[in-house]
């Protein structure tokens, strides 16, 4: 599969939008939202996708926001839709 746009440009746009929205919601200005890192490459296979999906789902748990991924509103309603069941 060949992306229609450069992945790094897509990630830059996504990060800019989400940082502005998050800072607006949090009432912050002049603060960096994203760390100086990115994972802006295509997922190569199903196993890698499942590993990344689990990493995303576990982030709020590792941060101590919730006890289980299901408790986090952004993930709980449908989890990551196109992820195969464990």
PDB file of N, CA and C in Angstrom:
ATOM      1  N   UNK A   1       0.848  -1.160   0.000  1.00  0.00           N
ATOM      2  CA  UNK A   1       0.000   0.000   0.000  1.00  0.00           C
ATOM      3  C   UNK A   1       0.904   1.237   0.000  1.00  0.00           C
ATOM      4  N   UNK A   2       0.592   2.190  -0.837  1.00  0.00           N
ATOM      5  CA  UNK A   2       1.337   3.441  -0.905  1.00  0.00           C
ATOM      6  C   UNK A   2       0.454   4.568  -0.386  1.00  0.00           C
ATOM      7  N   UNK A   3       0.923   5.293   0.635  1.00  0.00           N
ATOM      8  CA  UNK A   3       0.116   6.399   1.157  1.00  0.00           C
ATOM      9  C   UNK A   3      -0.036   7.509   0.127  1.00  0.00           C
ATOM     10  N   UNK A   4      -1.160   8.227   0.213  1.00  0.00           N
ATOM     11  CA  UNK A   4      -1.412   9.330  -0.713  1.00  0.00           C
ATOM     12  C   UNK A   4      -0.639  10.585  -0.346  1.00  0.00           C
ATOM     13  N   UNK A   5      -0.149  10.643   0.862  1.00  0.00           N
ATOM     14  CA  UNK A   5       0.629  11.786   1.318  1.00  0.00           C
ATOM     15  C   UNK A   5       1.802  11.290   2.143  1.00  0.00           C
ATOM     16  N   UNK A   6       2.798  12.123   2.301  1.00  0.00           N
ATOM     17  CA  UNK A   6       3.963  11.785   3.094  1.00  0.00           C
ATOM     18  C   UNK A   6       3.531  11.599   4.553  1.00  0.00           C
ATOM     19  N   UNK A   7       3.919  10.481   5.150  1.00  0.00           N
ATOM     20  CA  UNK A   7       3.497  10.158   6.508  1.00  0.00           C
ATOM     21  C   UNK A   7       3.966  11.231   7.494  1.00  0.00           C
ATOM     22  N   UNK A   8       5.172  11.756   7.327  1.00  0.00           N
ATOM     23  CA  UNK A   8       5.663  12.765   8.261  1.00  0.00           C
ATOM     24  C   UNK A   8       4.828  14.045   8.184  1.00  0.00           C
ATOM     25  N   UNK A   9       4.363  14.416   6.993  1.00  0.00           N
ATOM     26  CA  UNK A   9       3.496  15.601   6.861  1.00  0.00           C
ATOM     27  C   UNK A   9       2.142  15.343   7.513  1.00  0.00           C
ATOM     28  N   UNK A  10       1.623  14.157   7.351  1.00  0.00           N
ATOM     29  CA  UNK A  10       0.361  13.787   7.984  1.00  0.00           C
ATOM     30  C   UNK A  10       0.483  13.861   9.500  1.00  0.00           C
ATOM     31  N   UNK A  11       1.566  13.304  10.052  1.00  0.00           N
ATOM     32  CA  UNK A  11       1.771  13.319  11.494  1.00  0.00           C
ATOM     33  C   UNK A  11       1.957  14.743  12.004  1.00  0.00           C
ATOM     34  N   UNK A  12       2.660  15.574  11.259  1.00  0.00           N
ATOM     35  CA  UNK A  12       2.857  16.966  11.660  1.00  0.00           C
ATOM     36  C   UNK A  12       1.509  17.676  11.776  1.00  0.00           C
ATOM     37  N   UNK A  13       0.641  17.468  10.792  1.00  0.00           N
ATOM     38  CA  UNK A  13      -0.678  18.077  10.804  1.00  0.00           C
ATOM     39  C   UNK A  13      -1.518  17.550  11.963  1.00  0.00           C
ATOM     40  N   UNK A  14      -1.490  16.244  12.165  1.00  0.00           N
ATOM     41  CA  UNK A  14      -2.249  15.632  13.254  1.00  0.00           C
ATOM     42  C   UNK A  14      -1.768  16.146  14.607  1.00  0.00           C
ATOM     43  N   UNK A  15      -0.452  16.198  14.794  1.00  0.00           N
ATOM     44  CA  UNK A  15       0.099  16.664  16.069  1.00  0.00           C
ATOM     45  C   UNK A  15      -0.214  18.139  16.312  1.00  0.00           C
ATOM     46  N   UNK A  16      -0.157  18.951  15.278  1.00  0.00           N
ATOM     47  CA  UNK A  16      -0.472  20.379  15.429  1.00  0.00           C
ATOM     48  C   UNK A  16      -1.924  20.540  15.890  1.00  0.00           C
ATOM     49  N   UNK A  17      -2.831  19.840  15.217  1.00  0.00           N
ATOM     50  CA  UNK A  17      -4.255  19.941  15.555  1.00  0.00           C
ATOM     51  C   UNK A  17      -4.519  19.448  16.976  1.00  0.00           C
ATOM     52  N   UNK A  18      -4.012  18.249  17.298  1.00  0.00           N
ATOM     53  CA  UNK A  18      -4.299  17.686  18.615  1.00  0.00           C
ATOM     54  C   UNK A  18      -3.644  18.498  19.728  1.00  0.00           C
ATOM     55  N   UNK A  19      -2.477  19.056  19.494  1.00  0.00           N
ATOM     56  CA  UNK A  19      -1.818  19.894  20.512  1.00  0.00           C
ATOM     57  C   UNK A  19      -2.634  21.146  20.779  1.00  0.00           C
ATOM     58  N   UNK A  20      -3.125  21.790  19.722  1.00  0.00           N
ATOM     59  CA  UNK A  20      -3.951  22.998  19.902  1.00  0.00           C
ATOM     60  C   UNK A  20      -5.220  22.670  20.680  1.00  0.00           C
ATOM     61  N   UNK A  21      -5.873  21.583  20.312  1.00  0.00           N
ATOM     62  CA  UNK A  21      -7.106  21.194  20.997  1.00  0.00           C
ATOM     63  C   UNK A  21      -6.852  20.813  22.455  1.00  0.00           C
ATOM     64  N   UNK A  22      -5.817  20.035  22.693  1.00  0.00           N
ATOM     65  CA  UNK A  22      -5.506  19.618  24.066  1.00  0.00           C
ATOM     66  C   UNK A  22      -5.154  20.825  24.922  1.00  0.00           C
ATOM     67  N   UNK A  23      -4.334  21.725  24.401  1.00  0.00           N
ATOM     68  CA  UNK A  23      -3.969  22.920  25.164  1.00  0.00           C
ATOM     69  C   UNK A  23      -5.183  23.816  25.402  1.00  0.00           C
ATOM     70  N   UNK A  24      -6.104  23.882  24.427  1.00  0.00           N
ATOM     71  CA  UNK A  24      -7.334  24.657  24.609  1.00  0.00           C
ATOM     72  C   UNK A  24      -8.165  24.056  25.732  1.00  0.00           C
ATOM     73  N   UNK A  25      -8.333  22.742  25.710  1.00  0.00           N
ATOM     74  CA  UNK A  25      -9.125  22.052  26.727  1.00  0.00           C
ATOM     75  C   UNK A  25      -8.479  22.205  28.113  1.00  0.00           C
ATOM     76  N   UNK A  26      -7.153  22.131  28.153  1.00  0.00           N
ATOM     77  CA  UNK A  26      -6.435  22.226  29.425  1.00  0.00           C
ATOM     78  C   UNK A  26      -6.192  23.659  29.871  1.00  0.00           C
ATOM     79  N   UNK A  27      -6.511  24.614  28.999  1.00  0.00           N
ATOM     80  CA  UNK A  27      -6.300  26.016  29.330  1.00  0.00           C
ATOM     81  C   UNK A  27      -4.841  26.418  29.363  1.00  0.00           C
ATOM     82  N   UNK A  28      -4.034  25.782  28.544  1.00  0.00           N
ATOM     83  CA  UNK A  28      -2.602  26.071  28.503  1.00  0.00           C
ATOM     84  C   UNK A  28      -2.250  26.852  27.235  1.00  0.00           C
ATOM     85  N   UNK A  29      -1.278  27.726  27.349  1.00  0.00           N
ATOM     86  CA  UNK A  29      -0.744  28.420  26.177  1.00  0.00           C
ATOM     87  C   UNK A  29       0.769  28.456  26.302  1.00  0.00           C
ATOM     88  N   UNK A  30       1.451  28.384  25.177  1.00  0.00           N
ATOM     89  CA  UNK A  30       2.903  28.469  25.169  1.00  0.00           C
ATOM     90  C   UNK A  30       3.620  27.248  25.710  1.00  0.00           C
ATOM     91  N   UNK A  31       2.907  26.143  25.830  1.00  0.00           N
ATOM     92  CA  UNK A  31       3.517  24.906  26.329  1.00  0.00           C
ATOM     93  C   UNK A  31       3.627  23.897  25.196  1.00  0.00           C
ATOM     94  N   UNK A  32       4.749  23.199  25.145  1.00  0.00           N
ATOM     95  CA  UNK A  32       4.865  22.096  24.195  1.00  0.00           C
ATOM     96  C   UNK A  32       3.949  20.982  24.663  1.00  0.00           C
ATOM     97  N   UNK A  33       3.234  20.394  23.748  1.00  0.00           N
ATOM     98  CA  UNK A  33       2.338  19.305  24.109  1.00  0.00           C
ATOM     99  C   UNK A  33       2.984  17.960  23.812  1.00  0.00           C
ATOM    100  N   UNK A  34       3.613  17.852  22.643  1.00  0.00           N
ATOM    101  CA  UNK A  34       4.233  16.599  22.212  1.00  0.00           C
ATOM    102  C   UNK A  34       5.703  16.582  22.562  1.00  0.00           C
ATOM    103  N   UNK A  35       6.219  15.425  22.938  1.00  0.00           N
ATOM    104  CA  UNK A  35       7.651  15.249  23.139  1.00  0.00           C
ATOM    105  C   UNK A  35       8.333  15.280  21.782  1.00  0.00           C
ATOM    106  N   UNK A  36       9.635  15.517  21.796  1.00  0.00           N
ATOM    107  CA  UNK A  36      10.412  15.524  20.561  1.00  0.00           C
ATOM    108  C   UNK A  36      10.688  14.096  20.106  1.00  0.00           C
ATOM    109  N   UNK A  37       9.689  13.454  19.593  1.00  0.00           N
ATOM    110  CA  UNK A  37       9.809  12.100  19.079  1.00  0.00           C
ATOM    111  C   UNK A  37       8.611  11.846  18.180  1.00  0.00           C
ATOM    112  N   UNK A  38       8.692  10.848  17.384  1.00  0.00           N
ATOM    113  CA  UNK A  38       7.523  10.461  16.606  1.00  0.00           C
ATOM    114  C   UNK A  38       7.656   8.996  16.209  1.00  0.00           C
ATOM    115  N   UNK A  39       6.542   8.445  15.910  1.00  0.00           N
ATOM    116  CA  UNK A  39       6.486   7.059  15.444  1.00  0.00           C
ATOM    117  C   UNK A  39       5.676   7.108  14.155  1.00  0.00           C
ATOM    118  N   UNK A  40       6.213   7.838  13.191  1.00  0.00           N
ATOM    119  CA  UNK A  40       5.445   8.122  11.991  1.00  0.00           C
ATOM    120  C   UNK A  40       5.860   7.239  10.822  1.00  0.00           C
ATOM    121  N   UNK A  41       5.642   5.958  10.995  1.00  0.00           N
ATOM    122  CA  UNK A  41       5.896   5.034   9.898  1.00  0.00           C
ATOM    123  C   UNK A  41       4.712   4.098   9.772  1.00  0.00           C
ATOM    124  N   UNK A  42       4.613   3.476   8.649  1.00  0.00           N
ATOM    125  CA  UNK A  42       3.510   2.556   8.420  1.00  0.00           C
ATOM    126  C   UNK A  42       3.678   1.299   9.259  1.00  0.00           C
ATOM    127  N   UNK A  43       2.588   0.777   9.732  1.00  0.00           N
ATOM    128  CA  UNK A  43       2.600  -0.474  10.477  1.00  0.00           C
ATOM    129  C   UNK A  43       2.778  -1.584   9.454  1.00  0.00           C
ATOM    130  N   UNK A  44       3.731  -2.438   9.717  1.00  0.00           N
ATOM    131  CA  UNK A  44       4.148  -3.425   8.719  1.00  0.00           C
ATOM    132  C   UNK A  44       3.285  -4.698   8.646  1.00  0.00           C
ATOM    133  N   UNK A  45       2.729  -5.104   9.794  1.00  0.00           N
ATOM    134  CA  UNK A  45       1.959  -6.350   9.787  1.00  0.00           C
ATOM    135  C   UNK A  45       0.987  -6.380  10.963  1.00  0.00           C
ATOM    136  N   UNK A  46       0.173  -7.427  11.007  1.00  0.00           N
ATOM    137  CA  UNK A  46      -0.873  -7.557  12.023  1.00  0.00           C
ATOM    138  C   UNK A  46      -0.287  -7.635  13.440  1.00  0.00           C
ATOM    139  N   UNK A  47       0.807  -8.353  13.592  1.00  0.00           N
ATOM    140  CA  UNK A  47       1.433  -8.489  14.906  1.00  0.00           C
ATOM    141  C   UNK A  47       1.908  -7.135  15.419  1.00  0.00           C
ATOM    142  N   UNK A  48       2.535  -6.359  14.555  1.00  0.00           N
ATOM    143  CA  UNK A  48       2.997  -5.032  14.953  1.00  0.00           C
ATOM    144  C   UNK A  48       1.808  -4.128  15.290  1.00  0.00           C
ATOM    145  N   UNK A  49       0.743  -4.217  14.501  1.00  0.00           N
ATOM    146  CA  UNK A  49      -0.452  -3.411  14.773  1.00  0.00           C
ATOM    147  C   UNK A  49      -1.017  -3.743  16.153  1.00  0.00           C
ATOM    148  N   UNK A  50      -1.112  -5.021  16.477  1.00  0.00           N
ATOM    149  CA  UNK A  50      -1.649  -5.429  17.768  1.00  0.00           C
ATOM    150  C   UNK A  50      -0.759  -4.949  18.915  1.00  0.00           C
ATOM    151  N   UNK A  51       0.556  -4.997  18.731  1.00  0.00           N
ATOM    152  CA  UNK A  51       1.481  -4.515  19.756  1.00  0.00           C
ATOM    153  C   UNK A  51       1.297  -3.017  19.981  1.00  0.00           C
ATOM    154  N   UNK A  52       1.178  -2.250  18.893  1.00  0.00           N
ATOM    155  CA  UNK A  52       1.000  -0.798  18.993  1.00  0.00           C
ATOM    156  C   UNK A  52      -0.359  -0.467  19.611  1.00  0.00           C
ATOM    157  N   UNK A  53      -1.402  -1.192  19.206  1.00  0.00           N
ATOM    158  CA  UNK A  53      -2.737  -0.958  19.758  1.00  0.00           C
ATOM    159  C   UNK A  53      -2.740  -1.188  21.260  1.00  0.00           C
ATOM    160  N   UNK A  54      -2.109  -2.249  21.703  1.00  0.00           N
ATOM    161  CA  UNK A  54      -2.046  -2.543  23.139  1.00  0.00           C
ATOM    162  C   UNK A  54      -1.262  -1.455  23.871  1.00  0.00           C
ATOM    163  N   UNK A  55      -0.177  -0.983  23.284  1.00  0.00           N
ATOM    164  CA  UNK A  55       0.618   0.102  23.870  1.00  0.00           C
ATOM    165  C   UNK A  55      -0.256   1.348  24.064  1.00  0.00           C
ATOM    166  N   UNK A  56      -1.029   1.697  23.038  1.00  0.00           N
ATOM    167  CA  UNK A  56      -1.901   2.877  23.115  1.00  0.00           C
ATOM    168  C   UNK A  56      -2.960   2.686  24.193  1.00  0.00           C
ATOM    169  N   UNK A  57      -3.570   1.519  24.211  1.00  0.00           N
ATOM    170  CA  UNK A  57      -4.616   1.244  25.186  1.00  0.00           C
ATOM    171  C   UNK A  57      -4.086   1.268  26.623  1.00  0.00           C
ATOM    172  N   UNK A  58      -2.836   0.883  26.816  1.00  0.00           N
ATOM    173  CA  UNK A  58      -2.264   0.808  28.158  1.00  0.00           C
ATOM    174  C   UNK A  58      -1.681   2.136  28.653  1.00  0.00           C
ATOM    175  N   UNK A  59      -1.531   3.128  27.777  1.00  0.00           N
ATOM    176  CA  UNK A  59      -0.950   4.408  28.197  1.00  0.00           C
ATOM    177  C   UNK A  59      -1.664   5.030  29.392  1.00  0.00           C
ATOM    178  N   UNK A  60      -2.995   5.164  29.393  1.00  0.00           N
ATOM    179  CA  UNK A  60      -3.652   5.762  30.557  1.00  0.00           C
ATOM    180  C   UNK A  60      -3.490   4.935  31.831  1.00  0.00           C
ATOM    181  N   UNK A  61      -3.337   3.621  31.683  1.00  0.00           N
ATOM    182  CA  UNK A  61      -3.119   2.751  32.840  1.00  0.00           C
ATOM    183  C   UNK A  61      -1.722   3.004  33.400  1.00  0.00           C
ATOM    184  N   UNK A  62      -0.725   3.042  32.530  1.00  0.00           N
ATOM    185  CA  UNK A  62       0.655   3.256  32.977  1.00  0.00           C
ATOM    186  C   UNK A  62       0.836   4.627  33.614  1.00  0.00           C
ATOM    187  N   UNK A  63       0.059   5.607  33.175  1.00  0.00           N
ATOM    188  CA  UNK A  63       0.130   6.956  33.748  1.00  0.00           C
ATOM    189  C   UNK A  63      -0.639   7.072  35.055  1.00  0.00           C
ATOM    190  N   UNK A  64      -1.389   6.034  35.418  1.00  0.00           N
ATOM    191  CA  UNK A  64      -2.141   6.050  36.663  1.00  0.00           C
ATOM    192  C   UNK A  64      -3.470   6.782  36.569  1.00  0.00           C
ATOM    193  N   UNK A  65      -3.929   7.073  35.362  1.00  0.00           N
ATOM    194  CA  UNK A  65      -5.204   7.763  35.179  1.00  0.00           C
ATOM    195  C   UNK A  65      -6.371   6.825  35.462  1.00  0.00           C
ATOM    196  N   UNK A  66      -6.225   5.572  35.046  1.00  0.00           N
ATOM    197  CA  UNK A  66      -7.260   4.552  35.230  1.00  0.00           C
ATOM    198  C   UNK A  66      -6.603   3.238  35.623  1.00  0.00           C
ATOM    199  N   UNK A  67      -7.412   2.281  36.060  1.00  0.00           N
ATOM    200  CA  UNK A  67      -6.884   0.964  36.432  1.00  0.00           C
ATOM    201  C   UNK A  67      -6.854  -0.006  35.264  1.00  0.00           C
ATOM    202  N   UNK A  68      -7.806   0.159  34.347  1.00  0.00           N
ATOM    203  CA  UNK A  68      -7.883  -0.711  33.163  1.00  0.00           C
ATOM    204  C   UNK A  68      -8.129   0.164  31.928  1.00  0.00           C
ATOM    205  N   UNK A  69      -7.738  -0.295  30.748  1.00  0.00           N
ATOM    206  CA  UNK A  69      -7.967   0.493  29.538  1.00  0.00           C
ATOM    207  C   UNK A  69      -9.444   0.791  29.299  1.00  0.00           C
ATOM    208  N   UNK A  70     -10.322  -0.114  29.704  1.00  0.00           N
ATOM    209  CA  UNK A  70     -11.754   0.070  29.486  1.00  0.00           C
ATOM    210  C   UNK A  70     -12.322   1.274  30.237  1.00  0.00           C
ATOM    211  N   UNK A  71     -11.649   1.701  31.285  1.00  0.00           N
ATOM    212  CA  UNK A  71     -12.110   2.841  32.071  1.00  0.00           C
ATOM    213  C   UNK A  71     -11.848   4.177  31.378  1.00  0.00           C
ATOM    214  N   UNK A  72     -10.972   4.182  30.390  1.00  0.00           N
ATOM    215  CA  UNK A  72     -10.606   5.433  29.729  1.00  0.00           C
ATOM    216  C   UNK A  72     -11.595   5.719  28.605  1.00  0.00           C
ATOM    217  N   UNK A  73     -12.278   6.836  28.671  1.00  0.00           N
ATOM    218  CA  UNK A  73     -13.365   7.158  27.740  1.00  0.00           C
ATOM    219  C   UNK A  73     -12.957   7.122  26.277  1.00  0.00           C
ATOM    220  N   UNK A  74     -11.746   7.542  25.949  1.00  0.00           N
ATOM    221  CA  UNK A  74     -11.331   7.590  24.537  1.00  0.00           C
ATOM    222  C   UNK A  74     -11.187   6.205  23.942  1.00  0.00           C
ATOM    223  N   UNK A  75     -10.954   5.214  24.752  1.00  0.00           N
ATOM    224  CA  UNK A  75     -10.712   3.864  24.250  1.00  0.00           C
ATOM    225  C   UNK A  75     -11.895   2.950  24.519  1.00  0.00           C
ATOM    226  N   UNK A  76     -12.564   3.135  25.635  1.00  0.00           N
ATOM    227  CA  UNK A  76     -13.569   2.180  26.095  1.00  0.00           C
ATOM    228  C   UNK A  76     -14.728   1.919  25.145  1.00  0.00           C
ATOM    229  N   UNK A  77     -15.343   2.938  24.498  1.00  0.00           N
ATOM    230  CA  UNK A  77     -16.530   2.639  23.707  1.00  0.00           C
ATOM    231  C   UNK A  77     -16.330   1.598  22.609  1.00  0.00           C
ATOM    232  N   UNK A  78     -15.253   1.655  21.875  1.00  0.00           N
ATOM    233  CA  UNK A  78     -15.095   0.688  20.809  1.00  0.00           C
ATOM    234  C   UNK A  78     -13.713   0.092  20.755  1.00  0.00           C
ATOM    235  N   UNK A  79     -12.892   0.457  21.727  1.00  0.00           N
ATOM    236  CA  UNK A  79     -11.496   0.045  21.707  1.00  0.00           C
ATOM    237  C   UNK A  79     -10.918   0.451  20.346  1.00  0.00           C
ATOM    238  N   UNK A  80      -9.897  -0.201  19.914  1.00  0.00           N
ATOM    239  CA  UNK A  80      -9.338   0.113  18.601  1.00  0.00           C
ATOM    240  C   UNK A  80     -10.037  -0.814  17.621  1.00  0.00           C
ATOM    241  N   UNK A  81     -10.955  -0.240  16.845  1.00  0.00           N
ATOM    242  CA  UNK A  81     -11.926  -1.013  16.058  1.00  0.00           C
ATOM    243  C   UNK A  81     -11.356  -2.115  15.178  1.00  0.00           C
ATOM    244  N   UNK A  82     -10.277  -1.827  14.464  1.00  0.00           N
ATOM    245  CA  UNK A  82      -9.816  -2.833  13.504  1.00  0.00           C
ATOM    246  C   UNK A  82      -8.746  -3.736  14.089  1.00  0.00           C
ATOM    247  N   UNK A  83      -8.663  -3.800  15.398  1.00  0.00           N
ATOM    248  CA  UNK A  83      -7.725  -4.700  16.055  1.00  0.00           C
ATOM    249  C   UNK A  83      -8.374  -6.055  16.252  1.00  0.00           C
ATOM    250  N   UNK A  84      -7.656  -7.083  15.942  1.00  0.00           N
ATOM    251  CA  UNK A  84      -8.168  -8.436  16.129  1.00  0.00           C
ATOM    252  C   UNK A  84      -8.307  -8.728  17.618  1.00  0.00           C
ATOM    253  N   UNK A  85      -9.281  -9.514  17.981  1.00  0.00           N
ATOM    254  CA  UNK A  85      -9.487  -9.893  19.390  1.00  0.00           C
ATOM    255  C   UNK A  85      -8.300 -10.695  19.874  1.00  0.00           C
ATOM    256  N   UNK A  86      -7.937 -10.473  21.147  1.00  0.00           N
ATOM    257  CA  UNK A  86      -6.799 -11.211  21.728  1.00  0.00           C
ATOM    258  C   UNK A  86      -7.121 -12.663  21.925  1.00  0.00           C
TER     259      UNK A  86
END
